[in-house]
Amino acid sequence: MSRPAFGQAGRGLCLLVACMAGGCASMHSEQPAPATPALVQSDPATTLDDLWPVSIGLYRTTSGDIYLGNLDSRIEVLEKRVRAGAVERSTILASLLYHRYKVLGRLDDAKAALALLDAAIAANPGLPANHQLRAIVRAGFHQFDEALQDLDMIAAAAPEARTATRTRHEIQLALGNYDALRDEFAASASLSLDFDELAHRADLRLLQGDAPGSEFLYRAAQAQYRDVNPVPLAWLHVQQGIALLRQDRVEEARRFFLAAHLRLPQYYLATEHLAECETRLGRFDTARTLYRSVIDQTGNPEFIAALSSLERQAGNADEAQRLSREAEAGYDSLMAAYPDAFGQHAAEFLIEIGQAERADALAQANLRLRQDVGSWLLVAQTATAVDDLPRACTAWTRAVATGLRPPELGGLDALAARCR
């Protein structure tokens, strides 16, 4: 489960969403901070482990409690104003709700954001900013065609819109439209002065099999960060942790998830990935506590399934079975409402519990939606599980034909040998 959870786009779009509505600066204004944050002077005992990922002691950001308290307060005020008839504030409210979803992982926030944007655009269809934000939210729900329609509207009205271009690139990456990203891949080894762009290029390097280059760019992104907002820095460290976890470098990955969790304890992706590492390292009690906290916060069946796997490894068969049934029911509910958004996650869960036929059907449905390298690899896995070697080999061949070399490709070496 080292893959990012539903809606977790690259390049930190959770911050972009909030900033589009002008909400970034005021969310952390209650805590004094230097105008241009910098590394705190370290003592001679400082080690490289303190610098990458940078520790809270060396780089201070707003506490998670203050940051989220301010965010909750702004949302509460805006909800009252919108209910009172100030519909012009609904777009700002939607941006903050979606931003909170990206931090806390509560799906109801994302659903509310999309409903607000649909209503705002129906009332006033000509505002590009509304379409830009809805494109991001729709992409989070894997409504890719609809998101591209929003971006096409922006291209006609405001062709110079840089954020719309970035969102389009994210969608093309998710769809596996790699030909449209040739220039992006070609530039991915180059440096930039932009935090967001460096993180994006790091993602692209890892997709191309360049793990050292990817880590270099993630480090460069951290060096460019100059803000007291804790979210982008925690997000960056989670991305590096995921990259390491995808390479089975669990101990190293844990350091990054722990750094993100300590900086922003409410950040659900940091918590659940830290729990995953603790499980893989055999620290079941710690992992169990982390999983229960993130399940209580999000209700996400993916994390219930992970806790079920933990209990099975710990020898608690009855509890593992109970949690597995709970996770399956949760996925059934989500799939009924959002099959495109959760099909890939559900397929991976069903493979783990031995329901190969159902998993394969979902993997094929996901492939009809998007033909990125990860979707081809998932079909290769599920087709192998149902003993359809020709289709598994076709999927593996298509994944290789992309020219990309993500870490997961090595996990199918046994299949590759059978296909040759």
Protein backbone atom coordinates (compact mmCIF):
# COMPACT_ATOMS: atom_id res chain seq x y z
CA MET A 1 0.00 0.00 0.00
CA SER A 2 2.85 2.38 -0.74
CA ARG A 3 0.91 4.09 -3.48
CA PRO A 4 -0.69 7.46 -2.65
CA ALA A 5 -4.31 7.30 -1.61
CA PHE A 6 -7.33 8.50 -3.59
CA GLY A 7 -6.94 11.92 -5.10
CA GLN A 8 -3.34 12.40 -4.10
CA ALA A 9 -2.04 14.30 -7.10
CA GLY A 10 1.60 15.20 -7.60
CA ARG A 11 3.06 18.69 -7.23
CA GLY A 12 1.20 19.46 -4.02
CA LEU A 13 -2.07 20.60 -5.55
CA CYS A 14 -3.56 20.63 -2.06
CA LEU A 15 -1.64 23.87 -1.46
CA LEU A 16 -2.50 25.24 -4.89
CA VAL A 17 -6.21 24.81 -4.19
CA ALA A 18 -6.04 26.88 -1.02
CA CYS A 19 -3.83 29.56 -2.57
CA MET A 20 -6.16 30.01 -5.55
CA ALA A 21 -8.66 31.48 -3.12
CA GLY A 22 -6.07 33.64 -1.38
CA GLY A 23 -6.21 31.51 1.73
CA CYS A 24 -2.57 30.62 2.30
CA ALA A 25 -1.11 33.47 4.30
CA SER A 26 -3.96 33.96 6.73
CA MET A 27 -4.11 30.30 7.71
CA HIS A 28 -0.93 30.53 9.75
CA SER A 29 -0.97 34.20 10.70
CA GLU A 30 -1.65 33.64 14.38
CA GLN A 31 1.81 32.22 15.06
CA PRO A 32 4.73 34.69 14.87
CA ALA A 33 7.32 33.69 12.33
CA PRO A 34 10.16 35.32 10.41
CA ALA A 35 9.16 36.92 7.12
CA THR A 36 11.57 34.63 5.31
CA PRO A 37 11.91 31.41 7.31
CA ALA A 38 15.36 29.87 7.40
CA LEU A 39 17.18 27.05 9.05
CA VAL A 40 17.69 27.60 12.74
CA GLN A 41 21.34 27.73 13.73
CA SER A 42 22.30 24.17 14.57
CA ASP A 43 24.69 22.89 17.18
CA PRO A 44 27.82 20.88 16.27
CA ALA A 45 25.93 17.66 16.97
CA THR A 46 23.61 18.23 13.99
CA THR A 47 23.77 15.34 11.53
CA LEU A 48 22.68 14.83 7.95
CA ASP A 49 19.63 13.00 9.32
CA ASP A 50 18.52 16.31 10.84
CA LEU A 51 18.80 18.06 7.49
CA TRP A 52 17.13 15.50 5.21
CA PRO A 53 14.32 15.39 6.01
CA VAL A 54 14.74 18.68 7.83
CA SER A 55 13.68 18.35 11.45
CA ILE A 56 11.20 20.60 13.23
CA GLY A 57 14.04 21.81 15.42
CA LEU A 58 15.95 23.09 12.43
CA TYR A 59 13.06 24.49 10.40
CA ARG A 60 10.04 25.84 12.22
CA THR A 61 6.59 25.86 10.65
CA THR A 62 3.18 26.60 12.12
CA SER A 63 1.95 23.87 14.43
CA GLY A 64 -0.65 21.55 12.97
CA ASP A 65 -3.16 22.46 15.66
CA ILE A 66 -2.92 26.19 14.90
CA TYR A 67 -2.90 25.70 11.14
CA LEU A 68 -5.94 23.42 11.11
CA GLY A 69 -7.70 25.46 13.78
CA ASN A 70 -7.43 28.52 11.55
CA LEU A 71 -8.57 26.49 8.54
CA ASP A 72 -11.58 25.11 10.43
CA SER A 73 -12.51 28.62 11.61
CA ARG A 74 -12.38 30.04 8.09
CA ILE A 75 -14.52 27.19 6.78
CA GLU A 76 -17.07 27.65 9.57
CA VAL A 77 -17.38 31.38 8.89
CA LEU A 78 -17.70 30.86 5.14
CA GLU A 79 -20.30 28.12 5.56
CA LYS A 80 -22.46 30.50 7.57
CA ARG A 81 -22.06 33.25 4.98
CA VAL A 82 -22.90 30.98 2.07
CA ARG A 83 -25.97 29.64 3.87
CA ALA A 84 -26.99 33.26 4.47
CA GLY A 85 -26.90 33.94 0.74
CA ALA A 86 -23.31 35.08 0.05
CA VAL A 87 -22.99 32.67 -2.88
CA GLU A 88 -19.99 34.57 -4.24
CA ARG A 89 -18.00 33.10 -1.32
CA SER A 90 -18.83 29.50 -2.26
CA THR A 91 -15.75 29.09 -4.46
CA ILE A 92 -13.43 30.12 -1.64
CA LEU A 93 -15.29 27.73 0.65
CA ALA A 94 -14.89 24.93 -1.89
CA SER A 95 -11.16 25.56 -2.16
CA LEU A 96 -10.69 25.36 1.59
CA LEU A 97 -12.86 22.28 1.95
CA TYR A 98 -10.85 20.45 -0.69
CA HIS A 99 -7.62 21.59 0.89
CA ARG A 100 -8.79 20.22 4.24
CA TYR A 101 -9.71 16.96 2.54
CA LYS A 102 -6.17 16.68 1.18
CA VAL A 103 -4.78 17.07 4.68
CA LEU A 104 -7.28 15.12 6.80
CA GLY A 105 -8.54 12.61 4.23
CA ARG A 106 -12.24 13.04 4.99
CA LEU A 107 -14.12 12.33 1.78
CA ASP A 108 -17.16 14.39 2.78
CA ASP A 109 -15.06 17.55 2.40
CA ALA A 110 -14.20 16.66 -1.19
CA LYS A 111 -17.82 15.83 -1.99
CA ALA A 112 -19.00 19.13 -0.53
CA ALA A 113 -16.35 21.04 -2.50
CA LEU A 114 -17.46 19.49 -5.78
CA ALA A 115 -21.13 20.22 -5.08
CA LEU A 116 -20.34 23.88 -4.32
CA LEU A 117 -18.35 24.24 -7.53
CA ASP A 118 -21.05 22.63 -9.65
CA ALA A 119 -23.57 25.10 -8.22
CA ALA A 120 -21.25 28.09 -8.65
CA ILE A 121 -20.52 27.25 -12.28
CA ALA A 122 -24.18 26.60 -13.05
CA ALA A 123 -24.97 30.09 -11.71
CA ASN A 124 -22.03 31.80 -13.42
CA PRO A 125 -20.36 29.61 -16.04
CA GLY A 126 -17.91 32.20 -17.31
CA LEU A 127 -15.36 32.40 -14.46
CA PRO A 128 -12.12 30.55 -15.34
CA ALA A 129 -11.02 30.25 -11.69
CA ASN A 130 -14.10 28.17 -10.89
CA HIS A 131 -13.38 25.81 -13.77
CA GLN A 132 -9.73 25.56 -12.75
CA LEU A 133 -10.65 24.52 -9.24
CA ARG A 134 -13.34 22.12 -10.40
CA ALA A 135 -10.86 20.50 -12.79
CA ILE A 136 -8.58 19.75 -9.84
CA VAL A 137 -11.40 18.31 -7.75
CA ARG A 138 -12.82 16.32 -10.65
CA ALA A 139 -9.36 14.88 -11.33
CA GLY A 140 -9.23 13.84 -7.68
CA PHE A 141 -12.41 11.83 -8.29
CA HIS A 142 -10.83 10.43 -11.49
CA GLN A 143 -13.41 12.25 -13.60
CA PHE A 144 -10.68 12.96 -16.11
CA ASP A 145 -12.76 13.73 -19.20
CA GLU A 146 -14.89 16.19 -17.26
CA ALA A 147 -11.80 17.81 -15.77
CA LEU A 148 -10.30 18.27 -19.22
CA GLN A 149 -13.53 19.92 -20.37
CA ASP A 150 -13.10 22.48 -17.60
CA LEU A 151 -9.51 23.08 -18.66
CA ASP A 152 -10.55 23.47 -22.31
CA MET A 153 -12.92 26.23 -21.21
CA ILE A 154 -10.03 27.99 -19.43
CA ALA A 155 -7.77 27.61 -22.48
CA ALA A 156 -10.33 29.44 -24.57
CA ALA A 157 -10.89 32.21 -22.02
CA ALA A 158 -7.41 32.60 -20.52
CA PRO A 159 -4.78 30.78 -22.60
CA GLU A 160 -1.95 32.17 -20.45
CA ALA A 161 -3.21 30.46 -17.27
CA ARG A 162 -0.15 28.65 -15.88
CA THR A 163 -1.95 26.70 -13.17
CA ALA A 164 -4.37 25.28 -15.72
CA THR A 165 -1.42 23.98 -17.75
CA ARG A 166 0.01 22.32 -14.65
CA THR A 167 -3.31 20.66 -13.88
CA ARG A 168 -3.54 19.40 -17.47
CA HIS A 169 -0.09 17.85 -17.15
CA GLU A 170 -1.15 16.08 -13.96
CA ILE A 171 -4.18 14.62 -15.72
CA GLN A 172 -2.12 13.53 -18.74
CA LEU A 173 0.27 11.78 -16.38
CA ALA A 174 -2.61 10.00 -14.64
CA LEU A 175 -4.09 8.93 -17.98
CA GLY A 176 -0.77 7.66 -19.32
CA ASN A 177 -0.71 10.21 -22.13
CA TYR A 178 3.07 10.26 -22.05
CA ASP A 179 3.55 11.53 -25.61
CA ALA A 180 2.01 14.84 -24.54
CA LEU A 181 4.60 15.05 -21.75
CA ARG A 182 7.76 14.51 -23.76
CA ASP A 183 9.06 17.99 -22.95
CA GLU A 184 8.24 17.48 -19.26
CA PHE A 185 10.22 14.25 -19.13
CA ALA A 186 13.10 15.76 -21.10
CA ALA A 187 13.36 18.66 -18.65
CA SER A 188 12.98 16.51 -15.55
CA ALA A 189 16.72 16.24 -14.88
CA SER A 190 17.11 20.03 -14.82
CA LEU A 191 17.06 22.21 -11.74
CA SER A 192 14.47 24.89 -11.05
CA LEU A 193 14.02 27.59 -8.43
CA ASP A 194 10.40 26.55 -7.92
CA PHE A 195 9.50 24.18 -5.05
CA ASP A 196 6.47 22.83 -6.84
CA GLU A 197 8.28 22.21 -10.11
CA LEU A 198 11.23 20.49 -8.43
CA ALA A 199 8.90 18.05 -6.68
CA HIS A 200 7.14 17.34 -9.96
CA ARG A 201 10.43 16.67 -11.72
CA ALA A 202 11.46 14.34 -8.90
CA ASP A 203 8.31 12.29 -9.56
CA LEU A 204 9.16 12.10 -13.24
CA ARG A 205 12.74 10.97 -12.55
CA LEU A 206 11.50 8.09 -10.40
CA LEU A 207 9.08 7.05 -13.14
CA GLN A 208 12.08 6.87 -15.47
CA GLY A 209 13.99 4.67 -13.06
CA ASP A 210 16.35 7.36 -11.80
CA ALA A 211 16.00 7.01 -8.03
CA PRO A 212 19.17 8.99 -7.16
CA GLY A 213 18.12 11.83 -9.48
CA SER A 214 14.68 11.81 -7.96
CA GLU A 215 16.05 12.12 -4.42
CA PHE A 216 18.39 14.93 -5.49
CA LEU A 217 15.44 16.92 -6.80
CA TYR A 218 13.35 16.26 -3.69
CA ARG A 219 16.27 17.57 -1.63
CA ALA A 220 16.50 20.61 -3.89
CA ALA A 221 12.78 21.26 -3.39
CA GLN A 222 13.23 21.25 0.38
CA ALA A 223 16.09 23.72 0.02
CA GLN A 224 13.81 26.09 -1.90
CA TYR A 225 11.05 26.07 0.69
CA ARG A 226 10.57 29.44 2.42
CA ASP A 227 7.25 29.42 4.26
CA VAL A 228 5.75 28.59 7.63
CA ASN A 229 2.87 26.58 6.17
CA PRO A 230 3.51 22.98 7.35
CA VAL A 231 1.52 21.26 4.61
CA PRO A 232 3.88 21.49 1.59
CA LEU A 233 6.91 20.40 3.60
CA ALA A 234 5.04 17.45 5.15
CA TRP A 235 3.71 16.57 1.70
CA LEU A 236 7.22 16.66 0.22
CA HIS A 237 8.58 14.31 2.86
CA VAL A 238 5.69 11.91 2.31
CA GLN A 239 6.47 11.87 -1.41
CA GLN A 240 10.11 11.02 -0.72
CA GLY A 241 9.00 8.36 1.74
CA ILE A 242 6.68 6.82 -0.84
CA ALA A 243 9.52 6.81 -3.38
CA LEU A 244 11.74 4.91 -0.92
CA LEU A 245 8.96 2.53 0.08
CA ARG A 246 8.35 1.70 -3.58
CA GLN A 247 12.01 0.60 -3.66
CA ASP A 248 11.55 -1.53 -0.47
CA ARG A 249 13.83 0.80 1.49
CA VAL A 250 11.53 0.64 4.50
CA GLU A 251 13.77 1.97 7.27
CA GLU A 252 14.74 4.97 5.17
CA ALA A 253 11.14 5.60 4.17
CA ARG A 254 10.07 5.53 7.80
CA ARG A 255 12.28 8.53 8.61
CA PHE A 256 10.44 10.67 6.10
CA PHE A 257 6.97 9.59 7.13
CA LEU A 258 7.90 10.17 10.76
CA ALA A 259 9.21 13.65 9.96
CA ALA A 260 5.96 14.51 8.18
CA HIS A 261 3.87 13.01 10.98
CA LEU A 262 5.73 14.96 13.66
CA ARG A 263 5.40 18.20 11.72
CA LEU A 264 1.69 17.69 10.95
CA PRO A 265 0.23 14.83 13.03
CA GLN A 266 -3.19 15.24 11.42
CA TYR A 267 -1.83 14.59 7.91
CA TYR A 268 -3.43 11.28 7.10
CA LEU A 269 -1.02 10.14 4.38
CA ALA A 270 1.94 10.57 6.72
CA THR A 271 0.20 8.60 9.47
CA GLU A 272 -0.95 5.68 7.36
CA HIS A 273 2.38 5.30 5.58
CA LEU A 274 4.23 5.47 8.88
CA ALA A 275 1.92 2.69 10.11
CA GLU A 276 2.75 0.68 7.01
CA CYS A 277 6.47 0.97 7.71
CA GLU A 278 6.05 0.04 11.36
CA THR A 279 4.07 -3.03 10.28
CA ARG A 280 6.72 -4.12 7.82
CA LEU A 281 9.36 -3.66 10.50
CA GLY A 282 7.39 -5.86 12.90
CA ARG A 283 6.42 -3.09 15.32
CA PHE A 284 2.79 -4.12 15.48
CA ASP A 285 1.72 -2.24 18.61
CA THR A 286 2.92 1.11 17.26
CA ALA A 287 1.47 0.42 13.83
CA ARG A 288 -1.87 -0.65 15.30
CA THR A 289 -2.20 2.62 17.23
CA LEU A 290 -1.38 4.66 14.13
CA TYR A 291 -3.82 2.75 11.95
CA ARG A 292 -6.63 3.11 14.47
CA SER A 293 -6.10 6.86 14.67
CA VAL A 294 -6.16 7.35 10.90
CA ILE A 295 -9.17 5.03 10.53
CA ASP A 296 -11.04 7.03 13.16
CA GLN A 297 -10.16 10.21 11.26
CA THR A 298 -10.96 9.06 7.72
CA GLY A 299 -13.00 5.84 7.75
CA ASN A 300 -10.98 4.82 4.68
CA PRO A 301 -11.38 1.08 3.93
CA GLU A 302 -7.83 0.95 2.56
CA PHE A 303 -6.50 1.57 6.06
CA ILE A 304 -8.96 -0.90 7.60
CA ALA A 305 -7.63 -3.49 5.14
CA ALA A 306 -4.07 -2.64 6.15
CA LEU A 307 -4.94 -3.12 9.82
CA SER A 308 -6.52 -6.46 8.91
CA SER A 309 -3.26 -7.52 7.28
CA LEU A 310 -1.36 -6.43 10.39
CA GLU A 311 -3.61 -8.50 12.66
CA ARG A 312 -3.18 -11.50 10.40
CA GLN A 313 0.61 -11.17 10.64
CA ALA A 314 0.32 -10.76 14.42
CA GLY A 315 -1.60 -14.04 14.67
CA ASN A 316 -5.00 -12.49 15.43
CA ALA A 317 -6.98 -14.40 12.80
CA ASP A 318 -10.47 -13.62 14.05
CA GLU A 319 -9.82 -9.87 14.29
CA ALA A 320 -8.14 -9.93 10.89
CA GLN A 321 -11.20 -11.57 9.35
CA ARG A 322 -13.57 -9.11 11.02
CA LEU A 323 -11.57 -6.15 9.72
CA SER A 324 -11.36 -7.68 6.26
CA ARG A 325 -15.16 -7.92 6.10
CA GLU A 326 -15.41 -4.31 7.28
CA ALA A 327 -12.96 -3.17 4.60
CA GLU A 328 -14.81 -5.10 1.91
CA ALA A 329 -18.10 -3.48 2.91
CA GLY A 330 -16.44 -0.08 2.87
CA TYR A 331 -15.08 -0.63 -0.61
CA ASP A 332 -18.47 -1.86 -1.83
CA SER A 333 -20.02 1.39 -0.61
CA LEU A 334 -17.36 3.57 -2.21
CA MET A 335 -17.47 1.64 -5.47
CA ALA A 336 -21.22 2.13 -5.68
CA ALA A 337 -20.74 5.89 -5.52
CA TYR A 338 -17.31 6.43 -7.13
CA PRO A 339 -16.24 3.37 -9.15
CA ASP A 340 -13.64 5.26 -11.18
CA ALA A 341 -11.96 6.81 -8.15
CA PHE A 342 -11.69 3.65 -6.06
CA GLY A 343 -11.50 0.81 -8.58
CA GLN A 344 -7.72 0.50 -8.52
CA HIS A 345 -7.58 0.54 -4.72
CA ALA A 346 -10.37 -2.03 -4.47
CA ALA A 347 -8.65 -4.31 -6.99
CA GLU A 348 -5.45 -4.29 -4.96
CA PHE A 349 -7.40 -5.14 -1.80
CA LEU A 350 -9.31 -7.97 -3.50
CA ILE A 351 -6.06 -9.50 -4.74
CA GLU A 352 -4.77 -9.53 -1.17
CA ILE A 353 -7.83 -11.39 0.15
CA GLY A 354 -7.87 -13.92 -2.68
CA GLN A 355 -10.78 -12.61 -4.78
CA ALA A 356 -8.81 -12.66 -8.00
CA GLU A 357 -11.73 -12.67 -10.45
CA ARG A 358 -13.30 -9.55 -8.94
CA ALA A 359 -9.91 -7.86 -8.74
CA ASP A 360 -9.22 -8.61 -12.39
CA ALA A 361 -12.57 -7.18 -13.48
CA LEU A 362 -11.87 -3.95 -11.59
CA ALA A 363 -8.34 -3.73 -12.96
CA GLN A 364 -9.67 -4.02 -16.50
CA ALA A 365 -12.29 -1.35 -15.81
CA ASN A 366 -9.58 0.91 -14.46
CA LEU A 367 -7.52 0.30 -17.59
CA ARG A 368 -10.42 1.43 -19.76
CA LEU A 369 -10.34 4.70 -17.83
CA ARG A 370 -6.57 5.27 -17.86
CA GLN A 371 -3.63 3.60 -19.56
CA ASP A 372 -0.77 4.74 -17.36
CA VAL A 373 2.09 2.38 -16.57
CA GLY A 374 0.70 1.56 -13.12
CA SER A 375 -2.64 0.49 -14.57
CA TRP A 376 -0.93 -1.83 -17.07
CA LEU A 377 1.11 -3.36 -14.25
CA LEU A 378 -2.03 -3.90 -12.16
CA VAL A 379 -3.68 -5.79 -15.03
CA ALA A 380 -0.52 -7.87 -15.44
CA GLN A 381 -0.81 -8.79 -11.75
CA THR A 382 -4.52 -9.60 -11.75
CA ALA A 383 -4.39 -11.48 -15.06
CA THR A 384 -1.57 -13.61 -13.62
CA ALA A 385 -3.73 -14.29 -10.56
CA VAL A 386 -6.55 -15.66 -12.75
CA ASP A 387 -4.08 -17.72 -14.85
CA ASP A 388 -4.54 -15.68 -18.01
CA LEU A 389 -0.89 -15.65 -19.04
CA PRO A 390 -1.38 -14.23 -22.58
CA ARG A 391 -3.25 -11.20 -21.23
CA ALA A 392 -0.76 -10.79 -18.39
CA CYS A 393 2.10 -10.80 -20.88
CA THR A 394 0.33 -8.29 -23.10
CA ALA A 395 -0.14 -5.96 -20.14
CA TRP A 396 3.48 -6.37 -19.06
CA THR A 397 4.64 -5.68 -22.63
CA ARG A 398 2.52 -2.52 -22.79
CA ALA A 399 3.98 -1.33 -19.49
CA VAL A 400 7.52 -1.87 -20.77
CA ALA A 401 6.63 -0.18 -24.06
CA THR A 402 5.97 3.10 -22.25
CA GLY A 403 9.74 3.39 -21.84
CA LEU A 404 9.26 4.15 -18.14
CA ARG A 405 10.91 2.17 -15.38
CA PRO A 406 8.99 2.66 -12.13
CA PRO A 407 10.17 0.58 -9.16
CA GLU A 408 7.09 -1.67 -9.40
CA LEU A 409 8.25 -3.01 -12.75
CA GLY A 410 10.92 -5.10 -11.02
CA GLY A 411 8.26 -6.81 -8.95
CA LEU A 412 7.05 -8.62 -12.08
CA ASP A 413 10.41 -10.15 -13.03
CA ALA A 414 8.95 -13.66 -12.63
CA LEU A 415 6.16 -12.82 -15.06
CA ALA A 416 8.64 -11.22 -17.45
CA ALA A 417 10.64 -14.46 -17.52
CA ARG A 418 7.51 -16.41 -18.43
CA CYS A 419 6.59 -13.96 -21.16
CA ARG A 420 9.90 -14.01 -22.96
